[in-house]
C-alpha atoms as a PDB file:
ATOM      1  CA  MET A   1      -4.743  11.666 -15.276  1.00  0.00           C
ATOM      2  CA  ARG A   2      -5.499   8.150 -14.035  1.00  0.00           C
ATOM      3  CA  LEU A   3      -6.356   7.856 -10.343  1.00  0.00           C
ATOM      4  CA  ASP A   4      -3.634   5.308  -9.556  1.00  0.00           C
ATOM      5  CA  LYS A   5      -0.962   7.487 -11.175  1.00  0.00           C
ATOM      6  CA  TYR A   6      -2.216  10.596  -9.348  1.00  0.00           C
ATOM      7  CA  LEU A   7      -2.036   8.817  -5.986  1.00  0.00           C
ATOM      8  CA  LYS A   8       1.568   7.820  -6.713  1.00  0.00           C
ATOM      9  CA  VAL A   9       2.749  11.179  -8.119  1.00  0.00           C
ATOM     10  CA  SER A  10       1.143  13.111  -5.240  1.00  0.00           C
ATOM     11  CA  ARG A  11       2.681  10.576  -2.844  1.00  0.00           C
ATOM     12  CA  LEU A  12      -0.609   9.871  -1.075  1.00  0.00           C
ATOM     13  CA  ILE A  13       0.293   6.219  -1.748  1.00  0.00           C
ATOM     14  CA  LYS A  14       3.938   5.226  -2.280  1.00  0.00           C
ATOM     15  CA  ARG A  15       3.629   2.805  -5.203  1.00  0.00           C
ATOM     16  CA  ARG A  16       1.326   2.668  -8.208  1.00  0.00           C
ATOM     17  CA  THR A  17       0.697  -1.057  -7.763  1.00  0.00           C
ATOM     18  CA  ILE A  18      -0.457  -0.475  -4.180  1.00  0.00           C
ATOM     19  CA  ALA A  19      -2.678   2.379  -5.396  1.00  0.00           C
ATOM     20  CA  ASN A  20      -4.098  -0.003  -8.001  1.00  0.00           C
ATOM     21  CA  GLU A  21      -4.821  -2.655  -5.353  1.00  0.00           C
ATOM     22  CA  ALA A  22      -6.496  -0.105  -3.055  1.00  0.00           C
ATOM     23  CA  CYS A  23      -8.777   0.976  -5.904  1.00  0.00           C
ATOM     24  CA  ASP A  24      -9.618  -2.638  -6.804  1.00  0.00           C
ATOM     25  CA  ALA A  25     -10.485  -3.361  -3.161  1.00  0.00           C
ATOM     26  CA  GLY A  26     -12.953  -0.437  -3.114  1.00  0.00           C
ATOM     27  CA  ARG A  27     -11.003   1.595  -0.547  1.00  0.00           C
ATOM     28  CA  VAL A  28     -10.768   4.724  -2.735  1.00  0.00           C
ATOM     29  CA  THR A  29     -13.651   7.055  -3.598  1.00  0.00           C
ATOM     30  CA  VAL A  30     -13.720  10.084  -5.889  1.00  0.00           C
ATOM     31  CA  ASN A  31     -16.514  12.603  -5.246  1.00  0.00           C
ATOM     32  CA  GLY A  32     -18.336  10.068  -3.059  1.00  0.00           C
ATOM     33  CA  LYS A  33     -18.315   7.207  -5.594  1.00  0.00           C
ATOM     34  CA  THR A  34     -16.117   4.108  -5.463  1.00  0.00           C
ATOM     35  CA  ALA A  35     -13.486   4.570  -8.150  1.00  0.00           C
ATOM     36  CA  LYS A  36     -11.445   2.233 -10.318  1.00  0.00           C
ATOM     37  CA  ALA A  37      -7.738   2.809 -10.883  1.00  0.00           C
ATOM     38  CA  SER A  38      -8.460   4.027 -14.414  1.00  0.00           C
ATOM     39  CA  ALA A  39     -10.838   6.808 -13.273  1.00  0.00           C
ATOM     40  CA  ASP A  40      -9.879  10.313 -14.397  1.00  0.00           C
ATOM     41  CA  VAL A  41      -8.822  12.821 -11.755  1.00  0.00           C
ATOM     42  CA  ALA A  42      -9.312  16.550 -12.319  1.00  0.00           C
ATOM     43  CA  LYS A  43      -8.788  19.733 -10.344  1.00  0.00           C
ATOM     44  CA  GLY A  44     -11.463  20.122  -7.659  1.00  0.00           C
ATOM     45  CA  ASP A  45     -12.184  16.388  -7.198  1.00  0.00           C
ATOM     46  CA  VAL A  46     -12.443  15.066  -3.632  1.00  0.00           C
ATOM     47  CA  ILE A  47     -10.590  11.795  -3.011  1.00  0.00           C
ATOM     48  CA  GLU A  48     -11.103   9.671   0.105  1.00  0.00           C
ATOM     49  CA  ILE A  49      -8.802   6.757   0.926  1.00  0.00           C
ATOM     50  CA  ARG A  50      -9.467   4.238   3.708  1.00  0.00           C
ATOM     51  CA  PHE A  51      -6.416   2.690   5.391  1.00  0.00           C
ATOM     52  CA  GLY A  52      -7.993   0.286   7.901  1.00  0.00           C
ATOM     53  CA  GLU A  53      -9.609   2.532  10.533  1.00  0.00           C
ATOM     54  CA  LYS A  54      -7.919   5.690   9.217  1.00  0.00           C
ATOM     55  CA  ARG A  55      -9.532   7.817   6.509  1.00  0.00           C
ATOM     56  CA  VAL A  56      -7.707  10.410   4.430  1.00  0.00           C
ATOM     57  CA  LYS A  57      -9.822  12.967   2.573  1.00  0.00           C
ATOM     58  CA  VAL A  58      -8.184  15.417   0.171  1.00  0.00           C
ATOM     59  CA  GLU A  59      -9.196  17.861  -2.544  1.00  0.00           C
ATOM     60  CA  VAL A  60      -7.191  17.880  -5.774  1.00  0.00           C
ATOM     61  CA  THR A  61      -5.626  21.319  -6.276  1.00  0.00           C
ATOM     62  CA  ASP A  62      -3.272  20.489  -9.143  1.00  0.00           C
ATOM     63  CA  VAL A  63      -2.640  17.643 -11.594  1.00  0.00           C
ATOM     64  CA  LEU A  64       1.012  17.248 -12.615  1.00  0.00           C
ATOM     65  CA  GLU A  65       2.619  14.420 -14.597  1.00  0.00           C
ATOM     66  CA  THR A  66       5.757  14.531 -12.446  1.00  0.00           C
ATOM     67  CA  THR A  67       6.858  16.451  -9.386  1.00  0.00           C
ATOM     68  CA  LYS A  68       9.623  16.483  -6.816  1.00  0.00           C
ATOM     69  CA  LYS A  69       9.033  15.033  -3.379  1.00  0.00           C
ATOM     70  CA  GLU A  70       9.160  18.485  -1.772  1.00  0.00           C
ATOM     71  CA  ASN A  71       6.384  19.822  -4.050  1.00  0.00           C
ATOM     72  CA  ALA A  72       4.084  16.776  -3.996  1.00  0.00           C
ATOM     73  CA  ALA A  73       2.002  18.120  -1.086  1.00  0.00           C
ATOM     74  CA  GLU A  74       1.008  21.122  -3.226  1.00  0.00           C
ATOM     75  CA  MET A  75      -1.059  18.816  -5.461  1.00  0.00           C
ATOM     76  CA  TYR A  76      -3.793  18.434  -2.804  1.00  0.00           C
ATOM     77  CA  LYS A  77      -5.176  19.892   0.401  1.00  0.00           C
ATOM     78  CA  TYR A  78      -6.546  17.965   3.366  1.00  0.00           C
ATOM     79  CA  LEU A  79     -10.229  18.319   4.204  1.00  0.00           C
END
């Protein structure tokens, strides 16, 4: 699955366009490397997102095409 879509479906970022912009600005890394929005995300990958001074680091536990809001948090775990 594309990184920007994963960020939206997992609700780490609310909108896909904002996820796309964050990737283009270099604020998202996958496994320690700056990632483009089109990068593939797989189970076990570590994603880090920088929101200003705040950093969010998660490990991908599941990749789903769609999910309900209540189950979105099951797609990752915080590190």
